[in-house]
Amino acid sequence: MPKLMLGIPKGSLEQATVEMFAKAGYKIRVDSRSYFPAIDDPEIECMLIRAQEMSRYVEEGILDCGLTGWDWVVENGSDVAEIAELVYGKVGRKPIRWVLAVPEDSKFKCAKDLEGKRIATEAVGLTKKYFKKHGVKVSVEFSWGATEVKPPKLADAIVEITETGSSLRANKLKIIDTLCESTTRLIANKDSLKNSWKKAKISKIALLLKAALLAEGKVGIMLNVKKKDLDKVLKKMPALERPTISPLAEDGWCALNTIVDEFIVRDLIPELLDAGATGIVEYPLNKIVQ
């Protein structure tokens, strides 16, 4: 049986990735003592790899595909194929940012103020490019972790990844610039894509992951309405696509089915009732395929 080697990002993205795969229909079970999670698809073999290293192993063909931030693909200069952009993270569903941060009480306000200073970061290449672009000479050193605690004694400033900025604020740091934004991508080895079976398998995974993400925060709504009240109901009903309208056995009635954002439902249902809708049913969604 052919096998697809799939890289799952270990660390901050790990749990969010496993949950996303579950919504896509794949059950991944991670054992804390093993770097090879079990998956309920016999054609896939998973391996836990740090996001920072993922693109290198995909480029080398050790992995056929994997999930990592686009920032690490750029940092590593990896020659890989981007299959899908998947906007998710440890905290929410927004792009992450690489930011330049300094102590709250420091005099530094921009990159030029850091001339000759020491910068700590995991993204050494990204940081060097940033300061070179600004014509500022600094000393950039690799940080093995806990980067937020280094200023002001171990570094004058840091370049760090953030989703909300809360960790930086907790360590009394302020952001003075954003170097770039990044999202998670499903990437693949270019030679693996020349194999028709692997290409089809990777495309299927991408389709289901995108469908699972698209369904997040949305619900389905079904209801019955008299045909004479249909226009009033439709004006109240925002839709992902055109609502599905079907005639009922009882003359003069029809059924309506559509998808809406979950956060509007609490206000929408009373409005639909006032417009003439009855038998309203709200149901959860796992995937939306477009």
C-alpha atoms as a PDB file:
ATOM      1  CA  MET A   1       0.000   0.000   0.000  1.00  0.00           C
ATOM      2  CA  PRO A   2       1.404   3.435  -0.905  1.00  0.00           C
ATOM      3  CA  LYS A   3       2.058   5.849   1.964  1.00  0.00           C
ATOM      4  CA  LEU A   4       1.966   9.618   2.244  1.00  0.00           C
ATOM      5  CA  MET A   5       4.371  11.117   4.793  1.00  0.00           C
ATOM      6  CA  LEU A   6       2.596  14.028   6.493  1.00  0.00           C
ATOM      7  CA  GLY A   7       4.303  16.486   8.843  1.00  0.00           C
ATOM      8  CA  ILE A   8       2.266  17.746  11.808  1.00  0.00           C
ATOM      9  CA  PRO A   9       3.714  20.874  13.463  1.00  0.00           C
ATOM     10  CA  LYS A  10       4.902  20.160  16.996  1.00  0.00           C
ATOM     11  CA  GLY A  11       4.509  22.910  19.568  1.00  0.00           C
ATOM     12  CA  SER A  12       2.116  25.851  19.562  1.00  0.00           C
ATOM     13  CA  LEU A  13       0.247  24.749  16.414  1.00  0.00           C
ATOM     14  CA  GLU A  14       0.024  21.081  17.386  1.00  0.00           C
ATOM     15  CA  GLN A  15      -3.332  21.005  19.199  1.00  0.00           C
ATOM     16  CA  ALA A  16      -5.025  23.385  16.764  1.00  0.00           C
ATOM     17  CA  THR A  17      -3.819  21.225  13.859  1.00  0.00           C
ATOM     18  CA  VAL A  18      -5.117  17.992  15.406  1.00  0.00           C
ATOM     19  CA  GLU A  19      -8.495  19.649  16.053  1.00  0.00           C
ATOM     20  CA  MET A  20      -8.683  20.958  12.496  1.00  0.00           C
ATOM     21  CA  PHE A  21      -7.938  17.506  11.076  1.00  0.00           C
ATOM     22  CA  ALA A  22     -10.687  16.064  13.289  1.00  0.00           C
ATOM     23  CA  LYS A  23     -13.213  18.462  11.774  1.00  0.00           C
ATOM     24  CA  ALA A  24     -11.922  17.506   8.340  1.00  0.00           C
ATOM     25  CA  GLY A  25     -12.643  13.846   9.132  1.00  0.00           C
ATOM     26  CA  TYR A  26      -9.200  12.584  10.195  1.00  0.00           C
ATOM     27  CA  LYS A  27      -8.662  11.364  13.754  1.00  0.00           C
ATOM     28  CA  ILE A  28      -5.081  11.931  14.876  1.00  0.00           C
ATOM     29  CA  ARG A  29      -3.957  10.537  18.228  1.00  0.00           C
ATOM     30  CA  VAL A  30      -0.778  12.024  19.669  1.00  0.00           C
ATOM     31  CA  ASP A  31       1.261  10.029  22.179  1.00  0.00           C
ATOM     32  CA  SER A  32       3.517  12.245  24.301  1.00  0.00           C
ATOM     33  CA  ARG A  33       6.233   9.563  24.134  1.00  0.00           C
ATOM     34  CA  SER A  34       6.247   9.265  20.346  1.00  0.00           C
ATOM     35  CA  TYR A  35       6.936  11.549  17.408  1.00  0.00           C
ATOM     36  CA  PHE A  36       4.743   9.409  15.153  1.00  0.00           C
ATOM     37  CA  PRO A  37       1.048  10.171  15.847  1.00  0.00           C
ATOM     38  CA  ALA A  38      -1.534   7.583  14.824  1.00  0.00           C
ATOM     39  CA  ILE A  39      -4.077   8.539  12.167  1.00  0.00           C
ATOM     40  CA  ASP A  40      -7.199   6.644  11.087  1.00  0.00           C
ATOM     41  CA  ASP A  41      -6.137   6.617   7.432  1.00  0.00           C
ATOM     42  CA  PRO A  42      -3.843   3.658   6.579  1.00  0.00           C
ATOM     43  CA  GLU A  43      -2.500   5.545   3.561  1.00  0.00           C
ATOM     44  CA  ILE A  44      -1.032   8.349   5.717  1.00  0.00           C
ATOM     45  CA  GLU A  45       1.905   8.248   8.133  1.00  0.00           C
ATOM     46  CA  CYS A  46       2.294  11.247  10.417  1.00  0.00           C
ATOM     47  CA  MET A  47       5.394  12.691  11.994  1.00  0.00           C
ATOM     48  CA  LEU A  48       5.672  15.513  14.531  1.00  0.00           C
ATOM     49  CA  ILE A  49       8.161  18.147  13.353  1.00  0.00           C
ATOM     50  CA  ARG A  50       8.766  21.641  14.685  1.00  0.00           C
ATOM     51  CA  ALA A  51       7.225  24.241  12.390  1.00  0.00           C
ATOM     52  CA  GLN A  52      10.615  25.942  12.124  1.00  0.00           C
ATOM     53  CA  GLU A  53      12.103  22.836  10.467  1.00  0.00           C
ATOM     54  CA  MET A  54       9.114  21.556   8.486  1.00  0.00           C
ATOM     55  CA  SER A  55       9.879  23.171   5.134  1.00  0.00           C
ATOM     56  CA  ARG A  56      13.434  21.782   5.074  1.00  0.00           C
ATOM     57  CA  TYR A  57      12.257  18.207   5.500  1.00  0.00           C
ATOM     58  CA  VAL A  58       9.507  18.690   2.911  1.00  0.00           C
ATOM     59  CA  GLU A  59      12.019  20.158   0.437  1.00  0.00           C
ATOM     60  CA  GLU A  60      14.364  17.208   0.985  1.00  0.00           C
ATOM     61  CA  GLY A  61      11.544  14.709   0.398  1.00  0.00           C
ATOM     62  CA  ILE A  62      11.716  13.149   3.866  1.00  0.00           C
ATOM     63  CA  LEU A  63       8.124  14.381   4.141  1.00  0.00           C
ATOM     64  CA  ASP A  64       5.734  14.502   1.191  1.00  0.00           C
ATOM     65  CA  CYS A  65       3.804  17.376   2.721  1.00  0.00           C
ATOM     66  CA  GLY A  66       3.376  19.245   5.993  1.00  0.00           C
ATOM     67  CA  LEU A  67       1.879  22.239   7.727  1.00  0.00           C
ATOM     68  CA  THR A  68       3.952  25.221   8.783  1.00  0.00           C
ATOM     69  CA  GLY A  69       3.933  28.980   8.788  1.00  0.00           C
ATOM     70  CA  TRP A  70       4.861  30.669   5.535  1.00  0.00           C
ATOM     71  CA  ASP A  71       7.336  32.759   7.541  1.00  0.00           C
ATOM     72  CA  TRP A  72       9.436  29.647   8.195  1.00  0.00           C
ATOM     73  CA  VAL A  73       9.391  28.702   4.519  1.00  0.00           C
ATOM     74  CA  VAL A  74      10.803  32.150   3.750  1.00  0.00           C
ATOM     75  CA  GLU A  75      13.255  32.027   6.678  1.00  0.00           C
ATOM     76  CA  ASN A  76      14.637  28.679   5.484  1.00  0.00           C
ATOM     77  CA  GLY A  77      14.562  29.636   1.796  1.00  0.00           C
ATOM     78  CA  SER A  78      12.875  26.305   1.058  1.00  0.00           C
ATOM     79  CA  ASP A  79      11.914  25.350  -2.491  1.00  0.00           C
ATOM     80  CA  VAL A  80       8.512  23.766  -1.857  1.00  0.00           C
ATOM     81  CA  ALA A  81       5.063  23.907  -3.415  1.00  0.00           C
ATOM     82  CA  GLU A  82       2.327  25.808  -1.599  1.00  0.00           C
ATOM     83  CA  ILE A  83      -0.874  23.735  -1.733  1.00  0.00           C
ATOM     84  CA  ALA A  84      -3.248  25.712   0.480  1.00  0.00           C
ATOM     85  CA  GLU A  85      -3.357  28.677   2.836  1.00  0.00           C
ATOM     86  CA  LEU A  86      -4.998  27.680   6.120  1.00  0.00           C
ATOM     87  CA  VAL A  87      -5.623  30.625   8.429  1.00  0.00           C
ATOM     88  CA  TYR A  88      -5.537  29.168  11.915  1.00  0.00           C
ATOM     89  CA  GLY A  89      -3.289  29.349  14.947  1.00  0.00           C
ATOM     90  CA  LYS A  90      -2.859  28.575  18.632  1.00  0.00           C
ATOM     91  CA  VAL A  91      -5.244  31.318  19.765  1.00  0.00           C
ATOM     92  CA  GLY A  92      -7.469  32.333  16.881  1.00  0.00           C
ATOM     93  CA  ARG A  93      -8.046  32.481  13.170  1.00  0.00           C
ATOM     94  CA  LYS A  94      -5.955  35.500  12.243  1.00  0.00           C
ATOM     95  CA  PRO A  95      -2.509  35.831  10.672  1.00  0.00           C
ATOM     96  CA  ILE A  96       0.394  35.905  13.111  1.00  0.00           C
ATOM     97  CA  ARG A  97       2.880  38.775  13.076  1.00  0.00           C
ATOM     98  CA  TRP A  98       6.633  39.023  13.448  1.00  0.00           C
ATOM     99  CA  VAL A  99       7.172  42.235  15.387  1.00  0.00           C
ATOM    100  CA  LEU A 100      10.041  44.353  16.624  1.00  0.00           C
ATOM    101  CA  ALA A 101       9.570  44.937  20.354  1.00  0.00           C
ATOM    102  CA  VAL A 102      11.492  46.948  22.945  1.00  0.00           C
ATOM    103  CA  PRO A 103      11.072  47.659  26.687  1.00  0.00           C
ATOM    104  CA  GLU A 104       8.093  49.891  27.437  1.00  0.00           C
ATOM    105  CA  ASP A 105      10.262  52.476  29.188  1.00  0.00           C
ATOM    106  CA  SER A 106      12.989  52.573  26.525  1.00  0.00           C
ATOM    107  CA  LYS A 107      13.744  55.504  24.222  1.00  0.00           C
ATOM    108  CA  PHE A 108      13.591  53.320  21.088  1.00  0.00           C
ATOM    109  CA  LYS A 109      10.793  54.313  18.720  1.00  0.00           C
ATOM    110  CA  CYS A 110      11.868  52.888  15.345  1.00  0.00           C
ATOM    111  CA  ALA A 111      14.428  50.633  13.704  1.00  0.00           C
ATOM    112  CA  LYS A 112      16.986  53.438  13.213  1.00  0.00           C
ATOM    113  CA  ASP A 113      17.103  54.026  16.983  1.00  0.00           C
ATOM    114  CA  LEU A 114      18.610  50.539  17.365  1.00  0.00           C
ATOM    115  CA  GLU A 115      21.830  51.282  15.455  1.00  0.00           C
ATOM    116  CA  GLY A 116      24.630  49.181  16.968  1.00  0.00           C
ATOM    117  CA  LYS A 117      22.281  47.382  19.374  1.00  0.00           C
ATOM    118  CA  ARG A 118      21.727  43.666  20.036  1.00  0.00           C
ATOM    119  CA  ILE A 119      18.562  41.967  18.716  1.00  0.00           C
ATOM    120  CA  ALA A 120      17.447  38.514  19.901  1.00  0.00           C
ATOM    121  CA  THR A 121      15.168  36.379  17.719  1.00  0.00           C
ATOM    122  CA  GLU A 122      14.433  32.916  16.355  1.00  0.00           C
ATOM    123  CA  ALA A 123      14.070  34.344  12.847  1.00  0.00           C
ATOM    124  CA  VAL A 124      17.642  35.468  12.257  1.00  0.00           C
ATOM    125  CA  GLY A 125      17.409  35.645   8.457  1.00  0.00           C
ATOM    126  CA  LEU A 126      14.139  37.582   8.508  1.00  0.00           C
ATOM    127  CA  THR A 127      15.535  40.030  11.054  1.00  0.00           C
ATOM    128  CA  LYS A 128      18.789  40.617   9.179  1.00  0.00           C
ATOM    129  CA  LYS A 129      16.865  41.357   5.970  1.00  0.00           C
ATOM    130  CA  TYR A 130      14.627  43.816   7.818  1.00  0.00           C
ATOM    131  CA  PHE A 131      17.464  45.859   9.303  1.00  0.00           C
ATOM    132  CA  LYS A 132      19.451  45.736   6.057  1.00  0.00           C
ATOM    133  CA  LYS A 133      16.418  47.175   4.251  1.00  0.00           C
ATOM    134  CA  HIS A 134      16.365  50.022   6.777  1.00  0.00           C
ATOM    135  CA  GLY A 135      20.115  50.583   6.520  1.00  0.00           C
ATOM    136  CA  VAL A 136      20.653  49.883  10.210  1.00  0.00           C
ATOM    137  CA  LYS A 137      23.641  47.910  11.497  1.00  0.00           C
ATOM    138  CA  VAL A 138      22.752  45.692  14.451  1.00  0.00           C
ATOM    139  CA  SER A 139      23.958  42.477  16.062  1.00  0.00           C
ATOM    140  CA  VAL A 140      21.373  39.739  15.508  1.00  0.00           C
ATOM    141  CA  GLU A 141      21.665  36.656  17.702  1.00  0.00           C
ATOM    142  CA  PHE A 142      19.644  33.468  17.684  1.00  0.00           C
ATOM    143  CA  SER A 143      17.324  32.998  20.652  1.00  0.00           C
ATOM    144  CA  TRP A 144      16.650  29.463  21.859  1.00  0.00           C
ATOM    145  CA  GLY A 145      13.389  30.473  23.515  1.00  0.00           C
ATOM    146  CA  ALA A 146      11.907  32.715  26.218  1.00  0.00           C
ATOM    147  CA  THR A 147      12.819  35.614  23.939  1.00  0.00           C
ATOM    148  CA  GLU A 148      10.422  38.024  25.683  1.00  0.00           C
ATOM    149  CA  VAL A 149      12.448  38.003  28.904  1.00  0.00           C
ATOM    150  CA  LYS A 150      15.748  39.034  27.303  1.00  0.00           C
ATOM    151  CA  PRO A 151      15.345  42.833  27.106  1.00  0.00           C
ATOM    152  CA  PRO A 152      16.901  44.893  28.506  1.00  0.00           C
ATOM    153  CA  LYS A 153      19.712  42.857  30.119  1.00  0.00           C
ATOM    154  CA  LEU A 154      20.389  40.198  27.468  1.00  0.00           C
ATOM    155  CA  ALA A 155      19.230  42.156  24.398  1.00  0.00           C
ATOM    156  CA  ASP A 156      18.187  45.687  23.543  1.00  0.00           C
ATOM    157  CA  ALA A 157      15.225  44.537  21.443  1.00  0.00           C
ATOM    158  CA  ILE A 158      13.629  41.366  20.115  1.00  0.00           C
ATOM    159  CA  VAL A 159      11.928  40.225  16.943  1.00  0.00           C
ATOM    160  CA  GLU A 160       9.210  37.858  18.047  1.00  0.00           C
ATOM    161  CA  ILE A 161       6.110  36.128  16.737  1.00  0.00           C
ATOM    162  CA  THR A 162       2.754  37.157  18.210  1.00  0.00           C
ATOM    163  CA  GLU A 163      -0.957  36.563  17.679  1.00  0.00           C
ATOM    164  CA  THR A 164      -2.440  38.916  20.280  1.00  0.00           C
ATOM    165  CA  GLY A 165       0.530  40.740  21.799  1.00  0.00           C
ATOM    166  CA  SER A 166      -0.512  39.672  25.310  1.00  0.00           C
ATOM    167  CA  SER A 167       2.768  37.897  26.109  1.00  0.00           C
ATOM    168  CA  LEU A 168       4.757  40.953  25.054  1.00  0.00           C
ATOM    169  CA  ARG A 169       2.635  43.248  27.214  1.00  0.00           C
ATOM    170  CA  ALA A 170       2.969  40.848  30.168  1.00  0.00           C
ATOM    171  CA  ASN A 171       6.750  41.196  29.861  1.00  0.00           C
ATOM    172  CA  LYS A 172       6.511  45.006  29.658  1.00  0.00           C
ATOM    173  CA  LEU A 173       7.452  45.226  26.001  1.00  0.00           C
ATOM    174  CA  LYS A 174       5.986  47.467  23.321  1.00  0.00           C
ATOM    175  CA  ILE A 175       5.784  46.838  19.588  1.00  0.00           C
ATOM    176  CA  ILE A 176       7.459  49.486  17.451  1.00  0.00           C
ATOM    177  CA  ASP A 177       7.159  47.821  14.039  1.00  0.00           C
ATOM    178  CA  THR A 178       5.785  44.783  12.211  1.00  0.00           C
ATOM    179  CA  LEU A 179       8.230  42.910   9.980  1.00  0.00           C
ATOM    180  CA  CYS A 180       5.673  40.663   8.281  1.00  0.00           C
ATOM    181  CA  GLU A 181       2.437  38.743   8.651  1.00  0.00           C
ATOM    182  CA  SER A 182       2.208  34.999   8.119  1.00  0.00           C
ATOM    183  CA  THR A 183      -0.387  32.251   7.929  1.00  0.00           C
ATOM    184  CA  THR A 184      -0.172  28.477   8.099  1.00  0.00           C
ATOM    185  CA  ARG A 185       0.276  26.719   4.764  1.00  0.00           C
ATOM    186  CA  LEU A 186       0.015  23.144   3.569  1.00  0.00           C
ATOM    187  CA  ILE A 187       3.234  22.679   1.610  1.00  0.00           C
ATOM    188  CA  ALA A 188       4.420  19.753  -0.493  1.00  0.00           C
ATOM    189  CA  ASN A 189       7.585  18.337  -1.955  1.00  0.00           C
ATOM    190  CA  LYS A 190       7.744  19.127  -5.668  1.00  0.00           C
ATOM    191  CA  ASP A 191       8.844  15.605  -6.634  1.00  0.00           C
ATOM    192  CA  SER A 192       6.004  14.112  -4.574  1.00  0.00           C
ATOM    193  CA  LEU A 193       3.554  16.103  -6.693  1.00  0.00           C
ATOM    194  CA  LYS A 194       4.901  14.347  -9.799  1.00  0.00           C
ATOM    195  CA  ASN A 195       3.476  11.120  -8.353  1.00  0.00           C
ATOM    196  CA  SER A 196      -0.194  11.090  -9.404  1.00  0.00           C
ATOM    197  CA  TRP A 197      -1.334   9.124  -6.352  1.00  0.00           C
ATOM    198  CA  LYS A 198       0.435  11.417  -3.866  1.00  0.00           C
ATOM    199  CA  LYS A 199      -0.749  14.530  -5.683  1.00  0.00           C
ATOM    200  CA  ALA A 200      -4.376  13.346  -5.510  1.00  0.00           C
ATOM    201  CA  LYS A 201      -4.013  12.420  -1.831  1.00  0.00           C
ATOM    202  CA  ILE A 202      -2.518  15.792  -0.923  1.00  0.00           C
ATOM    203  CA  SER A 203      -5.239  17.601  -2.900  1.00  0.00           C
ATOM    204  CA  LYS A 204      -7.917  15.651  -1.006  1.00  0.00           C
ATOM    205  CA  ILE A 205      -6.406  16.610   2.352  1.00  0.00           C
ATOM    206  CA  ALA A 206      -6.247  20.268   1.291  1.00  0.00           C
ATOM    207  CA  LEU A 207      -9.877  20.219   0.144  1.00  0.00           C
ATOM    208  CA  LEU A 208     -11.123  18.789   3.440  1.00  0.00           C
ATOM    209  CA  LEU A 209      -8.986  21.082   5.618  1.00  0.00           C
ATOM    210  CA  LYS A 210     -10.189  24.185   3.764  1.00  0.00           C
ATOM    211  CA  ALA A 211     -13.781  22.947   4.017  1.00  0.00           C
ATOM    212  CA  ALA A 212     -13.418  22.454   7.782  1.00  0.00           C
ATOM    213  CA  LEU A 213     -11.994  25.953   8.276  1.00  0.00           C
ATOM    214  CA  LEU A 214     -14.676  27.504   6.097  1.00  0.00           C
ATOM    215  CA  ALA A 215     -17.393  25.932   8.267  1.00  0.00           C
ATOM    216  CA  GLU A 216     -16.035  27.395  11.493  1.00  0.00           C
ATOM    217  CA  GLY A 217     -18.332  29.944  13.058  1.00  0.00           C
ATOM    218  CA  LYS A 218     -21.190  29.078  10.695  1.00  0.00           C
ATOM    219  CA  VAL A 219     -24.400  27.114  11.172  1.00  0.00           C
ATOM    220  CA  GLY A 220     -27.189  25.852   8.967  1.00  0.00           C
ATOM    221  CA  ILE A 221     -30.719  27.207   9.245  1.00  0.00           C
ATOM    222  CA  MET A 222     -33.851  25.376   8.060  1.00  0.00           C
ATOM    223  CA  LEU A 223     -37.354  26.784   8.283  1.00  0.00           C
ATOM    224  CA  ASN A 224     -40.852  26.657   6.792  1.00  0.00           C
ATOM    225  CA  VAL A 225     -42.650  29.705   5.489  1.00  0.00           C
ATOM    226  CA  LYS A 226     -45.803  30.553   3.565  1.00  0.00           C
ATOM    227  CA  LYS A 227     -45.055  31.565  -0.007  1.00  0.00           C
ATOM    228  CA  LYS A 228     -46.738  34.915   0.578  1.00  0.00           C
ATOM    229  CA  ASP A 229     -44.216  35.653   3.354  1.00  0.00           C
ATOM    230  CA  LEU A 230     -41.166  34.317   1.506  1.00  0.00           C
ATOM    231  CA  ASP A 231     -39.886  37.703   0.319  1.00  0.00           C
ATOM    232  CA  LYS A 232     -40.026  39.109   3.854  1.00  0.00           C
ATOM    233  CA  VAL A 233     -38.076  36.149   5.215  1.00  0.00           C
ATOM    234  CA  LEU A 234     -35.471  36.330   2.437  1.00  0.00           C
ATOM    235  CA  LYS A 235     -34.785  39.983   3.244  1.00  0.00           C
ATOM    236  CA  LYS A 236     -33.906  38.951   6.797  1.00  0.00           C
ATOM    237  CA  MET A 237     -31.787  35.980   5.788  1.00  0.00           C
ATOM    238  CA  PRO A 238     -28.119  36.592   4.902  1.00  0.00           C
ATOM    239  CA  ALA A 239     -26.698  33.657   2.986  1.00  0.00           C
ATOM    240  CA  LEU A 240     -23.343  32.134   2.096  1.00  0.00           C
ATOM    241  CA  GLU A 241     -24.839  31.320  -1.294  1.00  0.00           C
ATOM    242  CA  ARG A 242     -28.376  31.511  -2.611  1.00  0.00           C
ATOM    243  CA  PRO A 243     -30.755  29.830  -0.132  1.00  0.00           C
ATOM    244  CA  THR A 244     -32.262  26.517  -1.170  1.00  0.00           C
ATOM    245  CA  ILE A 245     -36.044  26.845  -1.475  1.00  0.00           C
ATOM    246  CA  SER A 246     -38.232  23.765  -1.861  1.00  0.00           C
ATOM    247  CA  PRO A 247     -42.044  23.409  -2.098  1.00  0.00           C
ATOM    248  CA  LEU A 248     -43.769  21.525   0.730  1.00  0.00           C
ATOM    249  CA  ALA A 249     -46.577  18.992   0.356  1.00  0.00           C
ATOM    250  CA  GLU A 250     -49.011  21.495   1.824  1.00  0.00           C
ATOM    251  CA  ASP A 251     -50.058  23.984  -0.842  1.00  0.00           C
ATOM    252  CA  GLY A 252     -48.835  27.541  -0.343  1.00  0.00           C
ATOM    253  CA  TRP A 253     -45.840  26.575   1.818  1.00  0.00           C
ATOM    254  CA  CYS A 254     -42.141  26.140   1.148  1.00  0.00           C
ATOM    255  CA  ALA A 255     -38.978  25.156   3.028  1.00  0.00           C
ATOM    256  CA  LEU A 256     -35.850  27.274   3.119  1.00  0.00           C
ATOM    257  CA  ASN A 257     -32.313  26.073   3.890  1.00  0.00           C
ATOM    258  CA  THR A 258     -29.206  28.253   4.129  1.00  0.00           C
ATOM    259  CA  ILE A 259     -25.946  28.938   5.992  1.00  0.00           C
ATOM    260  CA  VAL A 260     -25.302  31.925   8.251  1.00  0.00           C
ATOM    261  CA  ASP A 261     -22.695  33.186  10.709  1.00  0.00           C
ATOM    262  CA  GLU A 262     -23.381  31.671  14.121  1.00  0.00           C
ATOM    263  CA  PHE A 263     -23.005  34.960  15.984  1.00  0.00           C
ATOM    264  CA  ILE A 264     -26.041  36.502  14.248  1.00  0.00           C
ATOM    265  CA  VAL A 265     -28.443  33.641  15.026  1.00  0.00           C
ATOM    266  CA  ARG A 266     -29.604  34.964  18.397  1.00  0.00           C
ATOM    267  CA  ASP A 267     -30.874  38.144  16.714  1.00  0.00           C
ATOM    268  CA  LEU A 268     -31.879  36.501  13.438  1.00  0.00           C
ATOM    269  CA  ILE A 269     -34.318  33.874  14.770  1.00  0.00           C
ATOM    270  CA  PRO A 270     -36.749  36.379  16.399  1.00  0.00           C
ATOM    271  CA  GLU A 271     -36.682  38.464  13.207  1.00  0.00           C
ATOM    272  CA  LEU A 272     -37.465  35.402  11.075  1.00  0.00           C
ATOM    273  CA  LEU A 273     -40.403  34.516  13.336  1.00  0.00           C
ATOM    274  CA  ASP A 274     -41.743  38.062  13.015  1.00  0.00           C
ATOM    275  CA  ALA A 275     -41.422  37.784   9.221  1.00  0.00           C
ATOM    276  CA  GLY A 276     -43.582  34.638   9.165  1.00  0.00           C
ATOM    277  CA  ALA A 277     -41.116  31.747   9.472  1.00  0.00           C
ATOM    278  CA  THR A 278     -42.037  28.625  11.473  1.00  0.00           C
ATOM    279  CA  GLY A 279     -40.346  25.363  12.421  1.00  0.00           C
ATOM    280  CA  ILE A 280     -36.896  26.972  12.564  1.00  0.00           C
ATOM    281  CA  VAL A 281     -34.047  24.491  13.048  1.00  0.00           C
ATOM    282  CA  GLU A 282     -30.410  25.456  13.648  1.00  0.00           C
ATOM    283  CA  TYR A 283     -27.778  22.755  13.013  1.00  0.00           C
ATOM    284  CA  PRO A 284     -23.956  22.616  13.262  1.00  0.00           C
ATOM    285  CA  LEU A 285     -21.629  22.297  10.271  1.00  0.00           C
ATOM    286  CA  ASN A 286     -18.386  20.324   9.951  1.00  0.00           C
ATOM    287  CA  LYS A 287     -17.401  21.294   6.427  1.00  0.00           C
ATOM    288  CA  ILE A 288     -18.377  23.675   3.655  1.00  0.00           C
ATOM    289  CA  VAL A 289     -17.070  22.682   0.246  1.00  0.00           C
ATOM    290  CA  GLN A 290     -17.092  25.374  -2.418  1.00  0.00           C
END
